[in-house]
Amino acid sequence: MFTGIVEELGEIVAVENLGDASRFQVRGPVVTEGARHGDSIAVNGVCLTVVDTGDGGFSADVMAETLDRSSLGALAVGSRVNLERPMALGGRLGGHLVQGHVDGTGTLIERKLSEHWEIVKISLPTELGRYVVEKGSITVDGISLTVVDAGPDYFTVSLIPTTLALTTLGVKQPGDPVNLEVDVLAKYVERLLAHGGADQDKKAIE
């Protein structure tokens, strides 16, 4: 489980084609410190398993399914990526509960400059629109953000200088893809309501 608070802006230093998968070599000395084989690290919001570490970086295998369903397939040598280690038990939940399971991809539509921040508009797959609400949480490339405006097929977020300086959203341009993960709590609520919620469960017990 992650929180969507990016720890480090890393870089893809090598991509190896494995046929039905790819192996990424990622530079990230902060998140690699203390990391071991089998640990999890979120790369642009996708939970990946560490294969090996060394020289301030780590390697991770990415299956075809992940490449197809996320924006990781568009990464190349030199691409910058948001990196985060899992939250330690008892740690502070600085963002919101993030699983590292991408629900879909969007496209950065436009950026509006302000004096101290930017408003960024991002396209949203229509099937995910019901999970996104004004002032709710959404994860964009692994970054926990608050929704400013929610439309049927788009949403906007406001980015402070820290987010612009320390994450990929500081350099993404219109047309660039981003990974999206909606708030898992919204999906649980929908599932419960679809099955009659707690009342139906109570009747089943009785």
N, C-alpha and C. Protein backbone atom coordinates (compact mmCIF):
# COMPACT_ATOMS: atom_id res chain seq x y z
N MET A 1 0.85 -1.19 0.00
CA MET A 1 0.00 0.00 0.00
C MET A 1 0.88 1.25 0.00
N PHE A 2 0.50 2.24 -0.81
CA PHE A 2 1.25 3.48 -0.92
C PHE A 2 0.36 4.65 -0.48
N THR A 3 0.93 5.85 -0.49
CA THR A 3 0.16 7.02 -0.08
C THR A 3 0.06 8.08 -1.17
N GLY A 4 0.80 7.89 -2.26
CA GLY A 4 0.77 8.89 -3.33
C GLY A 4 1.65 10.09 -3.07
N ILE A 5 2.55 9.99 -2.09
CA ILE A 5 3.51 11.05 -1.83
C ILE A 5 4.84 10.62 -2.45
N VAL A 6 5.17 11.21 -3.59
CA VAL A 6 6.36 10.81 -4.34
C VAL A 6 7.62 11.12 -3.54
N GLU A 7 8.49 10.12 -3.42
CA GLU A 7 9.72 10.30 -2.67
C GLU A 7 10.88 10.79 -3.52
N GLU A 8 10.82 10.44 -4.80
CA GLU A 8 11.98 10.72 -5.63
C GLU A 8 11.59 10.74 -7.10
N LEU A 9 12.23 11.61 -7.85
CA LEU A 9 12.07 11.65 -9.30
C LEU A 9 13.22 10.86 -9.89
N GLY A 10 12.92 9.63 -10.33
CA GLY A 10 13.95 8.76 -10.86
C GLY A 10 14.06 8.84 -12.37
N GLU A 11 14.84 7.93 -12.93
CA GLU A 11 15.08 7.93 -14.38
C GLU A 11 15.23 6.51 -14.89
N ILE A 12 14.65 6.24 -16.05
CA ILE A 12 14.84 4.95 -16.71
C ILE A 12 16.21 4.97 -17.38
N VAL A 13 17.08 4.03 -17.00
CA VAL A 13 18.43 4.02 -17.56
C VAL A 13 18.63 2.88 -18.57
N ALA A 14 17.71 1.90 -18.57
CA ALA A 14 17.80 0.82 -19.55
C ALA A 14 16.45 0.12 -19.65
N VAL A 15 16.13 -0.35 -20.85
CA VAL A 15 14.91 -1.12 -21.08
C VAL A 15 15.30 -2.36 -21.89
N GLU A 16 15.05 -3.53 -21.33
CA GLU A 16 15.37 -4.79 -22.00
C GLU A 16 14.08 -5.47 -22.43
N ASN A 17 13.97 -5.75 -23.71
CA ASN A 17 12.80 -6.45 -24.26
C ASN A 17 12.91 -7.93 -23.99
N LEU A 18 11.95 -8.48 -23.24
CA LEU A 18 11.96 -9.90 -22.90
C LEU A 18 10.91 -10.68 -23.68
N GLY A 19 10.41 -10.11 -24.76
CA GLY A 19 9.39 -10.76 -25.57
C GLY A 19 8.00 -10.43 -25.08
N ASP A 20 7.52 -11.14 -24.06
CA ASP A 20 6.20 -10.87 -23.52
C ASP A 20 6.28 -10.01 -22.26
N ALA A 21 7.43 -9.38 -22.06
CA ALA A 21 7.63 -8.52 -20.91
C ALA A 21 8.82 -7.60 -21.19
N SER A 22 9.06 -6.68 -20.28
CA SER A 22 10.23 -5.81 -20.36
C SER A 22 10.87 -5.73 -18.99
N ARG A 23 12.17 -5.57 -18.97
CA ARG A 23 12.88 -5.35 -17.71
C ARG A 23 13.41 -3.92 -17.71
N PHE A 24 12.97 -3.15 -16.71
CA PHE A 24 13.40 -1.77 -16.58
C PHE A 24 14.53 -1.67 -15.56
N GLN A 25 15.54 -0.88 -15.91
CA GLN A 25 16.56 -0.48 -14.96
C GLN A 25 16.26 0.97 -14.59
N VAL A 26 16.05 1.20 -13.30
CA VAL A 26 15.60 2.52 -12.84
C VAL A 26 16.61 3.10 -11.87
N ARG A 27 17.03 4.33 -12.13
CA ARG A 27 17.91 5.02 -11.18
C ARG A 27 17.05 5.70 -10.12
N GLY A 28 17.34 5.40 -8.86
CA GLY A 28 16.58 5.99 -7.76
C GLY A 28 17.27 5.68 -6.44
N PRO A 29 18.32 6.41 -6.09
CA PRO A 29 19.09 6.09 -4.89
C PRO A 29 18.31 6.19 -3.58
N VAL A 30 17.32 7.06 -3.52
CA VAL A 30 16.55 7.22 -2.28
C VAL A 30 15.70 5.99 -2.02
N VAL A 31 14.90 5.59 -3.00
CA VAL A 31 13.99 4.45 -2.79
C VAL A 31 14.73 3.12 -2.80
N THR A 32 15.94 3.11 -3.38
CA THR A 32 16.71 1.87 -3.46
C THR A 32 17.43 1.57 -2.14
N GLU A 33 17.66 2.59 -1.35
CA GLU A 33 18.37 2.39 -0.08
C GLU A 33 17.60 1.40 0.80
N GLY A 34 18.25 0.30 1.11
CA GLY A 34 17.62 -0.73 1.95
C GLY A 34 16.70 -1.66 1.20
N ALA A 35 16.47 -1.42 -0.09
CA ALA A 35 15.58 -2.28 -0.86
C ALA A 35 16.25 -3.62 -1.16
N ARG A 36 15.43 -4.67 -1.18
CA ARG A 36 15.93 -6.01 -1.45
C ARG A 36 15.07 -6.68 -2.52
N HIS A 37 15.58 -7.78 -3.03
CA HIS A 37 14.83 -8.58 -4.00
C HIS A 37 13.46 -8.93 -3.43
N GLY A 38 12.41 -8.68 -4.21
CA GLY A 38 11.05 -9.00 -3.79
C GLY A 38 10.30 -7.83 -3.18
N ASP A 39 11.01 -6.74 -2.86
CA ASP A 39 10.33 -5.56 -2.32
C ASP A 39 9.51 -4.88 -3.41
N SER A 40 8.58 -4.03 -2.99
CA SER A 40 7.74 -3.29 -3.93
C SER A 40 8.17 -1.83 -4.00
N ILE A 41 8.14 -1.28 -5.20
CA ILE A 41 8.36 0.15 -5.43
C ILE A 41 7.37 0.59 -6.49
N ALA A 42 6.69 1.69 -6.25
CA ALA A 42 5.74 2.23 -7.23
C ALA A 42 6.50 3.10 -8.24
N VAL A 43 6.29 2.79 -9.51
CA VAL A 43 6.91 3.55 -10.60
C VAL A 43 5.79 4.20 -11.41
N ASN A 44 5.68 5.50 -11.33
CA ASN A 44 4.57 6.23 -11.96
C ASN A 44 3.22 5.64 -11.55
N GLY A 45 3.14 5.23 -10.27
CA GLY A 45 1.89 4.73 -9.74
C GLY A 45 1.63 3.26 -9.93
N VAL A 46 2.57 2.55 -10.57
CA VAL A 46 2.42 1.11 -10.79
C VAL A 46 3.31 0.36 -9.81
N CYS A 47 2.72 -0.51 -9.03
CA CYS A 47 3.48 -1.30 -8.06
C CYS A 47 4.29 -2.36 -8.79
N LEU A 48 5.63 -2.25 -8.70
CA LEU A 48 6.51 -3.21 -9.34
C LEU A 48 7.35 -3.92 -8.28
N THR A 49 7.78 -5.14 -8.60
CA THR A 49 8.58 -5.94 -7.69
C THR A 49 10.06 -5.82 -8.06
N VAL A 50 10.87 -5.51 -7.06
CA VAL A 50 12.31 -5.36 -7.27
C VAL A 50 12.94 -6.71 -7.59
N VAL A 51 13.68 -6.77 -8.70
CA VAL A 51 14.40 -7.98 -9.08
C VAL A 51 15.82 -7.93 -8.53
N ASP A 52 16.46 -6.76 -8.68
CA ASP A 52 17.84 -6.62 -8.24
C ASP A 52 18.10 -5.15 -7.93
N THR A 53 19.12 -4.88 -7.13
CA THR A 53 19.51 -3.50 -6.81
C THR A 53 21.02 -3.36 -6.97
N GLY A 54 21.45 -2.11 -7.11
CA GLY A 54 22.88 -1.84 -7.21
C GLY A 54 23.13 -0.51 -7.86
N ASP A 55 24.22 0.17 -7.43
CA ASP A 55 24.64 1.44 -8.01
C ASP A 55 23.52 2.48 -7.98
N GLY A 56 22.78 2.51 -6.87
CA GLY A 56 21.76 3.54 -6.72
C GLY A 56 20.53 3.33 -7.59
N GLY A 57 20.29 2.09 -7.98
CA GLY A 57 19.13 1.82 -8.82
C GLY A 57 18.58 0.43 -8.58
N PHE A 58 17.55 0.09 -9.31
CA PHE A 58 16.95 -1.24 -9.19
C PHE A 58 16.40 -1.67 -10.54
N SER A 59 16.16 -2.96 -10.67
CA SER A 59 15.55 -3.48 -11.88
C SER A 59 14.21 -4.11 -11.52
N ALA A 60 13.28 -4.08 -12.46
CA ALA A 60 11.95 -4.64 -12.25
C ALA A 60 11.41 -5.16 -13.57
N ASP A 61 10.74 -6.30 -13.51
CA ASP A 61 10.11 -6.87 -14.70
C ASP A 61 8.69 -6.36 -14.82
N VAL A 62 8.29 -6.00 -16.03
CA VAL A 62 6.94 -5.48 -16.29
C VAL A 62 6.28 -6.38 -17.33
N MET A 63 5.20 -7.04 -16.93
CA MET A 63 4.51 -7.97 -17.82
C MET A 63 3.75 -7.22 -18.93
N ALA A 64 3.43 -7.94 -20.00
CA ALA A 64 2.73 -7.35 -21.13
C ALA A 64 1.40 -6.73 -20.70
N GLU A 65 0.71 -7.40 -19.76
CA GLU A 65 -0.57 -6.88 -19.26
C GLU A 65 -0.41 -5.48 -18.68
N THR A 66 0.64 -5.29 -17.90
CA THR A 66 0.91 -3.99 -17.28
C THR A 66 1.31 -2.97 -18.34
N LEU A 67 2.12 -3.38 -19.28
CA LEU A 67 2.54 -2.47 -20.35
C LEU A 67 1.35 -2.00 -21.17
N ASP A 68 0.39 -2.90 -21.39
CA ASP A 68 -0.79 -2.58 -22.20
C ASP A 68 -1.77 -1.68 -21.45
N ARG A 69 -1.89 -1.88 -20.14
CA ARG A 69 -2.92 -1.19 -19.36
C ARG A 69 -2.43 0.08 -18.67
N SER A 70 -1.16 0.37 -18.78
CA SER A 70 -0.60 1.56 -18.14
C SER A 70 0.25 2.32 -19.15
N SER A 71 0.78 3.45 -18.70
CA SER A 71 1.63 4.26 -19.58
C SER A 71 3.09 3.81 -19.53
N LEU A 72 3.38 2.74 -18.79
CA LEU A 72 4.77 2.28 -18.70
C LEU A 72 5.31 1.83 -20.05
N GLY A 73 4.41 1.39 -20.92
CA GLY A 73 4.85 0.96 -22.24
C GLY A 73 5.45 2.07 -23.07
N ALA A 74 5.16 3.31 -22.69
CA ALA A 74 5.69 4.47 -23.43
C ALA A 74 7.03 4.95 -22.89
N LEU A 75 7.50 4.33 -21.79
CA LEU A 75 8.77 4.77 -21.21
C LEU A 75 9.95 4.32 -22.05
N ALA A 76 10.99 5.14 -22.05
CA ALA A 76 12.21 4.84 -22.78
C ALA A 76 13.40 5.31 -21.95
N VAL A 77 14.59 4.98 -22.40
CA VAL A 77 15.78 5.43 -21.69
C VAL A 77 15.77 6.95 -21.60
N GLY A 78 15.96 7.45 -20.39
CA GLY A 78 15.94 8.90 -20.17
C GLY A 78 14.63 9.42 -19.62
N SER A 79 13.57 8.60 -19.67
CA SER A 79 12.28 9.03 -19.13
C SER A 79 12.38 9.22 -17.63
N ARG A 80 11.78 10.29 -17.12
CA ARG A 80 11.72 10.52 -15.68
C ARG A 80 10.48 9.85 -15.13
N VAL A 81 10.60 9.30 -13.93
CA VAL A 81 9.50 8.55 -13.32
C VAL A 81 9.37 8.90 -11.84
N ASN A 82 8.12 8.89 -11.36
CA ASN A 82 7.85 9.11 -9.94
C ASN A 82 8.05 7.80 -9.18
N LEU A 83 8.77 7.86 -8.07
CA LEU A 83 9.09 6.67 -7.29
C LEU A 83 8.60 6.82 -5.85
N GLU A 84 8.05 5.73 -5.31
CA GLU A 84 7.61 5.72 -3.92
C GLU A 84 7.71 4.31 -3.36
N ARG A 85 8.25 4.21 -2.15
CA ARG A 85 8.25 2.93 -1.43
C ARG A 85 6.92 2.75 -0.71
N PRO A 86 6.56 1.50 -0.39
CA PRO A 86 5.31 1.27 0.35
C PRO A 86 5.35 1.97 1.70
N MET A 87 4.16 2.33 2.19
CA MET A 87 4.07 2.95 3.50
C MET A 87 4.37 1.93 4.59
N ALA A 88 5.21 2.33 5.54
CA ALA A 88 5.51 1.45 6.66
C ALA A 88 4.33 1.41 7.61
N LEU A 89 4.08 0.25 8.21
CA LEU A 89 2.99 0.11 9.16
C LEU A 89 3.21 1.09 10.32
N GLY A 90 2.20 1.90 10.57
CA GLY A 90 2.32 2.91 11.61
C GLY A 90 2.82 4.25 11.09
N GLY A 91 3.13 4.32 9.79
CA GLY A 91 3.60 5.57 9.21
C GLY A 91 2.47 6.53 8.96
N ARG A 92 2.82 7.78 8.65
CA ARG A 92 1.81 8.80 8.39
C ARG A 92 1.23 8.62 6.99
N LEU A 93 -0.08 8.75 6.90
CA LEU A 93 -0.77 8.66 5.61
C LEU A 93 -0.85 10.07 5.04
N GLY A 94 0.21 10.49 4.35
CA GLY A 94 0.29 11.87 3.88
C GLY A 94 -0.65 12.18 2.74
N GLY A 95 -0.95 11.19 1.89
CA GLY A 95 -1.85 11.42 0.77
C GLY A 95 -3.17 10.72 1.00
N HIS A 96 -3.41 9.61 0.29
CA HIS A 96 -4.57 8.76 0.54
C HIS A 96 -4.17 7.32 0.23
N LEU A 97 -5.04 6.38 0.49
CA LEU A 97 -4.71 4.98 0.27
C LEU A 97 -4.57 4.68 -1.22
N VAL A 98 -3.37 4.30 -1.62
CA VAL A 98 -3.07 4.02 -3.02
C VAL A 98 -2.54 2.60 -3.13
N GLN A 99 -3.14 1.81 -4.01
CA GLN A 99 -2.75 0.40 -4.13
C GLN A 99 -1.61 0.16 -5.11
N GLY A 100 -1.43 1.06 -6.05
CA GLY A 100 -0.45 0.81 -7.10
C GLY A 100 -1.01 -0.05 -8.20
N HIS A 101 -2.35 -0.14 -8.26
CA HIS A 101 -3.05 -0.89 -9.30
C HIS A 101 -3.75 0.10 -10.22
N VAL A 102 -3.19 0.34 -11.37
CA VAL A 102 -3.70 1.35 -12.29
C VAL A 102 -5.07 0.93 -12.84
N ASP A 103 -6.03 1.86 -12.79
CA ASP A 103 -7.38 1.59 -13.30
C ASP A 103 -7.51 1.94 -14.77
N GLY A 104 -6.64 2.79 -15.27
CA GLY A 104 -6.70 3.21 -16.66
C GLY A 104 -5.70 4.33 -16.91
N THR A 105 -5.67 4.80 -18.13
CA THR A 105 -4.78 5.89 -18.47
C THR A 105 -5.58 7.08 -18.98
N GLY A 106 -5.02 8.25 -18.77
CA GLY A 106 -5.60 9.48 -19.30
C GLY A 106 -4.55 10.22 -20.09
N THR A 107 -4.94 11.35 -20.63
CA THR A 107 -4.02 12.18 -21.40
C THR A 107 -4.07 13.60 -20.86
N LEU A 108 -2.91 14.19 -20.67
CA LEU A 108 -2.88 15.58 -20.24
C LEU A 108 -3.42 16.44 -21.38
N ILE A 109 -4.48 17.20 -21.10
CA ILE A 109 -5.15 17.98 -22.14
C ILE A 109 -4.60 19.39 -22.23
N GLU A 110 -4.50 20.06 -21.08
CA GLU A 110 -3.98 21.42 -21.09
C GLU A 110 -3.44 21.82 -19.73
N ARG A 111 -2.59 22.86 -19.75
CA ARG A 111 -2.03 23.42 -18.53
C ARG A 111 -2.35 24.91 -18.51
N LYS A 112 -2.83 25.40 -17.37
CA LYS A 112 -3.11 26.82 -17.22
C LYS A 112 -2.21 27.38 -16.13
N LEU A 113 -1.35 28.31 -16.53
CA LEU A 113 -0.39 28.89 -15.61
C LEU A 113 -1.03 29.94 -14.72
N SER A 114 -0.63 29.92 -13.45
CA SER A 114 -0.99 30.97 -12.51
C SER A 114 0.30 31.48 -11.91
N GLU A 115 0.20 32.44 -11.01
CA GLU A 115 1.42 33.03 -10.46
C GLU A 115 2.19 32.03 -9.60
N HIS A 116 1.47 31.23 -8.82
CA HIS A 116 2.15 30.33 -7.90
C HIS A 116 1.78 28.86 -8.10
N TRP A 117 0.90 28.54 -9.02
CA TRP A 117 0.51 27.15 -9.24
C TRP A 117 0.02 26.98 -10.67
N GLU A 118 -0.34 25.76 -11.02
CA GLU A 118 -0.90 25.47 -12.34
C GLU A 118 -2.16 24.63 -12.19
N ILE A 119 -3.10 24.87 -13.08
CA ILE A 119 -4.28 24.02 -13.19
C ILE A 119 -4.06 23.10 -14.39
N VAL A 120 -4.14 21.80 -14.16
CA VAL A 120 -3.91 20.82 -15.22
C VAL A 120 -5.19 20.06 -15.47
N LYS A 121 -5.57 19.95 -16.74
CA LYS A 121 -6.76 19.21 -17.15
C LYS A 121 -6.33 17.89 -17.77
N ILE A 122 -6.96 16.80 -17.33
CA ILE A 122 -6.58 15.46 -17.75
C ILE A 122 -7.82 14.70 -18.21
N SER A 123 -7.72 14.00 -19.33
CA SER A 123 -8.84 13.20 -19.81
C SER A 123 -9.03 11.99 -18.90
N LEU A 124 -10.28 11.51 -18.87
CA LEU A 124 -10.64 10.43 -17.97
C LEU A 124 -11.49 9.41 -18.72
N PRO A 125 -11.12 8.12 -18.69
CA PRO A 125 -12.00 7.11 -19.32
C PRO A 125 -13.39 7.21 -18.72
N THR A 126 -14.42 7.20 -19.56
CA THR A 126 -15.78 7.42 -19.08
C THR A 126 -16.21 6.41 -18.02
N GLU A 127 -15.68 5.18 -18.09
CA GLU A 127 -16.07 4.18 -17.10
C GLU A 127 -15.52 4.47 -15.71
N LEU A 128 -14.56 5.39 -15.62
CA LEU A 128 -14.00 5.77 -14.32
C LEU A 128 -14.62 7.05 -13.78
N GLY A 129 -15.41 7.73 -14.61
CA GLY A 129 -15.96 9.02 -14.23
C GLY A 129 -16.79 8.98 -12.96
N ARG A 130 -17.49 7.88 -12.71
CA ARG A 130 -18.37 7.80 -11.55
C ARG A 130 -17.60 7.74 -10.24
N TYR A 131 -16.31 7.45 -10.29
CA TYR A 131 -15.51 7.37 -9.08
C TYR A 131 -14.80 8.68 -8.73
N VAL A 132 -14.91 9.65 -9.60
CA VAL A 132 -14.16 10.90 -9.42
C VAL A 132 -15.13 12.02 -9.06
N VAL A 133 -14.89 12.67 -7.93
CA VAL A 133 -15.78 13.73 -7.46
C VAL A 133 -14.96 14.95 -7.07
N GLU A 134 -15.60 16.10 -7.13
CA GLU A 134 -14.95 17.35 -6.72
C GLU A 134 -14.49 17.24 -5.27
N LYS A 135 -13.25 17.63 -5.04
CA LYS A 135 -12.58 17.59 -3.73
C LYS A 135 -12.24 16.17 -3.28
N GLY A 136 -12.48 15.18 -4.15
CA GLY A 136 -12.08 13.81 -3.84
C GLY A 136 -10.62 13.59 -4.21
N SER A 137 -10.15 12.38 -3.97
CA SER A 137 -8.75 12.04 -4.24
C SER A 137 -8.63 11.20 -5.51
N ILE A 138 -7.54 11.42 -6.24
CA ILE A 138 -7.20 10.60 -7.39
C ILE A 138 -5.69 10.52 -7.47
N THR A 139 -5.19 9.42 -8.02
CA THR A 139 -3.76 9.25 -8.18
C THR A 139 -3.40 9.40 -9.66
N VAL A 140 -2.49 10.31 -9.94
CA VAL A 140 -2.03 10.57 -11.31
C VAL A 140 -0.53 10.29 -11.36
N ASP A 141 -0.14 9.28 -12.13
CA ASP A 141 1.27 8.87 -12.19
C ASP A 141 1.85 8.67 -10.79
N GLY A 142 1.03 8.12 -9.89
CA GLY A 142 1.50 7.83 -8.55
C GLY A 142 1.44 8.99 -7.58
N ILE A 143 0.88 10.13 -8.01
CA ILE A 143 0.81 11.32 -7.17
C ILE A 143 -0.60 11.46 -6.61
N SER A 144 -0.73 11.55 -5.30
CA SER A 144 -2.03 11.77 -4.68
C SER A 144 -2.42 13.23 -4.87
N LEU A 145 -3.56 13.44 -5.55
CA LEU A 145 -4.01 14.79 -5.86
C LEU A 145 -5.48 14.97 -5.49
N THR A 146 -5.86 16.21 -5.26
CA THR A 146 -7.25 16.55 -4.97
C THR A 146 -7.92 17.07 -6.23
N VAL A 147 -9.07 16.51 -6.56
CA VAL A 147 -9.79 16.91 -7.76
C VAL A 147 -10.40 18.31 -7.56
N VAL A 148 -10.16 19.19 -8.51
CA VAL A 148 -10.75 20.53 -8.48
C VAL A 148 -12.11 20.52 -9.16
N ASP A 149 -12.14 19.99 -10.37
CA ASP A 149 -13.38 19.93 -11.15
C ASP A 149 -13.48 18.55 -11.77
N ALA A 150 -14.67 17.96 -11.73
CA ALA A 150 -14.86 16.61 -12.27
C ALA A 150 -15.94 16.63 -13.35
N GLY A 151 -15.55 16.27 -14.58
CA GLY A 151 -16.51 16.15 -15.67
C GLY A 151 -16.72 14.70 -16.02
N PRO A 152 -17.56 14.40 -16.99
CA PRO A 152 -17.84 13.01 -17.36
C PRO A 152 -16.64 12.29 -17.96
N ASP A 153 -15.76 13.04 -18.62
CA ASP A 153 -14.60 12.42 -19.24
C ASP A 153 -13.32 13.22 -19.03
N TYR A 154 -13.29 14.00 -17.97
CA TYR A 154 -12.08 14.76 -17.64
C TYR A 154 -12.14 15.18 -16.18
N PHE A 155 -11.01 15.64 -15.67
CA PHE A 155 -10.95 16.26 -14.35
C PHE A 155 -9.79 17.24 -14.35
N THR A 156 -9.79 18.13 -13.38
CA THR A 156 -8.69 19.08 -13.24
C THR A 156 -8.10 18.96 -11.85
N VAL A 157 -6.81 19.27 -11.75
CA VAL A 157 -6.11 19.30 -10.47
C VAL A 157 -5.27 20.56 -10.42
N SER A 158 -5.03 21.03 -9.22
CA SER A 158 -4.18 22.21 -9.01
C SER A 158 -2.85 21.75 -8.47
N LEU A 159 -1.76 22.17 -9.10
CA LEU A 159 -0.43 21.72 -8.73
C LEU A 159 0.37 22.84 -8.06
N ILE A 160 0.84 22.58 -6.85
CA ILE A 160 1.66 23.56 -6.13
C ILE A 160 3.09 23.47 -6.64
N PRO A 161 3.93 24.47 -6.35
CA PRO A 161 5.33 24.46 -6.83
C PRO A 161 6.10 23.20 -6.45
N THR A 162 5.87 22.66 -5.25
CA THR A 162 6.58 21.45 -4.84
C THR A 162 6.26 20.29 -5.77
N THR A 163 4.99 20.11 -6.10
CA THR A 163 4.60 19.03 -7.02
C THR A 163 5.20 19.25 -8.39
N LEU A 164 5.22 20.48 -8.85
CA LEU A 164 5.78 20.78 -10.16
C LEU A 164 7.28 20.51 -10.21
N ALA A 165 7.96 20.77 -9.10
CA ALA A 165 9.41 20.63 -9.07
C ALA A 165 9.87 19.19 -8.84
N LEU A 166 9.08 18.41 -8.11
CA LEU A 166 9.55 17.10 -7.65
C LEU A 166 8.86 15.91 -8.29
N THR A 167 7.98 16.13 -9.28
CA THR A 167 7.29 15.02 -9.93
C THR A 167 7.28 15.21 -11.45
N THR A 168 6.85 14.17 -12.14
CA THR A 168 6.80 14.23 -13.60
C THR A 168 5.77 15.23 -14.11
N LEU A 169 4.79 15.59 -13.29
CA LEU A 169 3.77 16.54 -13.76
C LEU A 169 4.34 17.93 -13.97
N GLY A 170 5.55 18.16 -13.50
CA GLY A 170 6.20 19.44 -13.77
C GLY A 170 6.67 19.57 -15.20
N VAL A 171 6.85 18.43 -15.89
CA VAL A 171 7.39 18.46 -17.26
C VAL A 171 6.45 17.84 -18.29
N LYS A 172 5.38 17.17 -17.84
CA LYS A 172 4.44 16.58 -18.79
C LYS A 172 3.78 17.67 -19.63
N GLN A 173 3.55 17.36 -20.90
CA GLN A 173 2.96 18.31 -21.84
C GLN A 173 1.66 17.76 -22.41
N PRO A 174 0.80 18.65 -22.95
CA PRO A 174 -0.43 18.17 -23.57
C PRO A 174 -0.16 17.04 -24.57
N GLY A 175 -0.93 15.98 -24.44
CA GLY A 175 -0.75 14.81 -25.29
C GLY A 175 -0.02 13.68 -24.61
N ASP A 176 0.65 13.98 -23.49
CA ASP A 176 1.38 12.93 -22.77
C ASP A 176 0.41 12.05 -21.97
N PRO A 177 0.66 10.74 -21.94
CA PRO A 177 -0.22 9.83 -21.17
C PRO A 177 0.14 9.84 -19.69
N VAL A 178 -0.85 9.54 -18.85
CA VAL A 178 -0.63 9.42 -17.41
C VAL A 178 -1.42 8.23 -16.88
N ASN A 179 -0.90 7.62 -15.83
CA ASN A 179 -1.60 6.52 -15.17
C ASN A 179 -2.60 7.07 -14.16
N LEU A 180 -3.76 6.44 -14.09
CA LEU A 180 -4.81 6.89 -13.18
C LEU A 180 -5.24 5.74 -12.26
N GLU A 181 -5.35 6.05 -10.98
CA GLU A 181 -5.93 5.12 -10.02
C GLU A 181 -6.96 5.87 -9.20
N VAL A 182 -8.21 5.45 -9.27
CA VAL A 182 -9.26 6.11 -8.52
C VAL A 182 -9.25 5.63 -7.08
N ASP A 183 -9.98 6.33 -6.23
CA ASP A 183 -10.03 6.00 -4.81
C ASP A 183 -10.70 4.63 -4.62
N VAL A 184 -9.97 3.69 -4.06
CA VAL A 184 -10.50 2.33 -3.89
C VAL A 184 -11.73 2.31 -2.99
N LEU A 185 -11.86 3.25 -2.07
CA LEU A 185 -13.02 3.28 -1.19
C LEU A 185 -14.31 3.48 -1.99
N ALA A 186 -14.23 4.28 -3.06
CA ALA A 186 -15.41 4.50 -3.90
C ALA A 186 -15.85 3.20 -4.57
N LYS A 187 -14.89 2.38 -4.96
CA LYS A 187 -15.23 1.11 -5.62
C LYS A 187 -15.85 0.12 -4.63
N TYR A 188 -15.37 0.13 -3.40
CA TYR A 188 -15.96 -0.73 -2.39
C TYR A 188 -17.40 -0.33 -2.08
N VAL A 189 -17.63 0.98 -1.98
CA VAL A 189 -18.99 1.47 -1.72
C VAL A 189 -19.92 1.07 -2.85
N GLU A 190 -19.48 1.22 -4.09
CA GLU A 190 -20.29 0.84 -5.23
C GLU A 190 -20.63 -0.65 -5.19
N ARG A 191 -19.66 -1.46 -4.84
CA ARG A 191 -19.87 -2.91 -4.79
C ARG A 191 -20.90 -3.27 -3.71
N LEU A 192 -20.78 -2.63 -2.56
CA LEU A 192 -21.72 -2.90 -1.47
C LEU A 192 -23.14 -2.51 -1.85
N LEU A 193 -23.28 -1.33 -2.46
CA LEU A 193 -24.61 -0.86 -2.85
C LEU A 193 -25.23 -1.75 -3.92
N ALA A 194 -24.40 -2.24 -4.82
CA ALA A 194 -24.89 -3.09 -5.90
C ALA A 194 -25.45 -4.42 -5.37
N HIS A 195 -24.97 -4.83 -4.20
CA HIS A 195 -25.40 -6.10 -3.63
C HIS A 195 -26.31 -5.90 -2.42
N GLY A 196 -26.88 -4.74 -2.30
CA GLY A 196 -27.82 -4.50 -1.22
C GLY A 196 -27.22 -4.00 0.07
N GLY A 197 -25.88 -3.87 0.11
CA GLY A 197 -25.22 -3.31 1.26
C GLY A 197 -25.33 -4.16 2.51
N ALA A 198 -25.19 -3.51 3.63
CA ALA A 198 -25.13 -4.20 4.91
C ALA A 198 -26.44 -4.90 5.25
N ASP A 199 -27.60 -4.36 4.82
CA ASP A 199 -28.88 -4.97 5.14
C ASP A 199 -28.99 -6.37 4.58
N GLN A 200 -28.53 -6.53 3.32
CA GLN A 200 -28.59 -7.85 2.69
C GLN A 200 -27.67 -8.83 3.41
N ASP A 201 -26.47 -8.35 3.80
CA ASP A 201 -25.56 -9.22 4.51
C ASP A 201 -26.16 -9.67 5.84
N LYS A 202 -26.87 -8.75 6.51
CA LYS A 202 -27.50 -9.06 7.79
C LYS A 202 -28.58 -10.13 7.62
N LYS A 203 -29.37 -10.00 6.56
CA LYS A 203 -30.42 -10.98 6.30
C LYS A 203 -29.82 -12.35 6.01
N ALA A 204 -28.67 -12.35 5.30
CA ALA A 204 -28.05 -13.62 4.96
C ALA A 204 -27.59 -14.36 6.21
N ILE A 205 -27.12 -13.56 7.21
CA ILE A 205 -26.66 -14.16 8.46
C ILE A 205 -27.84 -14.71 9.25
N GLU A 206 -28.96 -13.96 9.25
CA GLU A 206 -30.14 -14.39 9.98
C GLU A 206 -30.76 -15.64 9.34
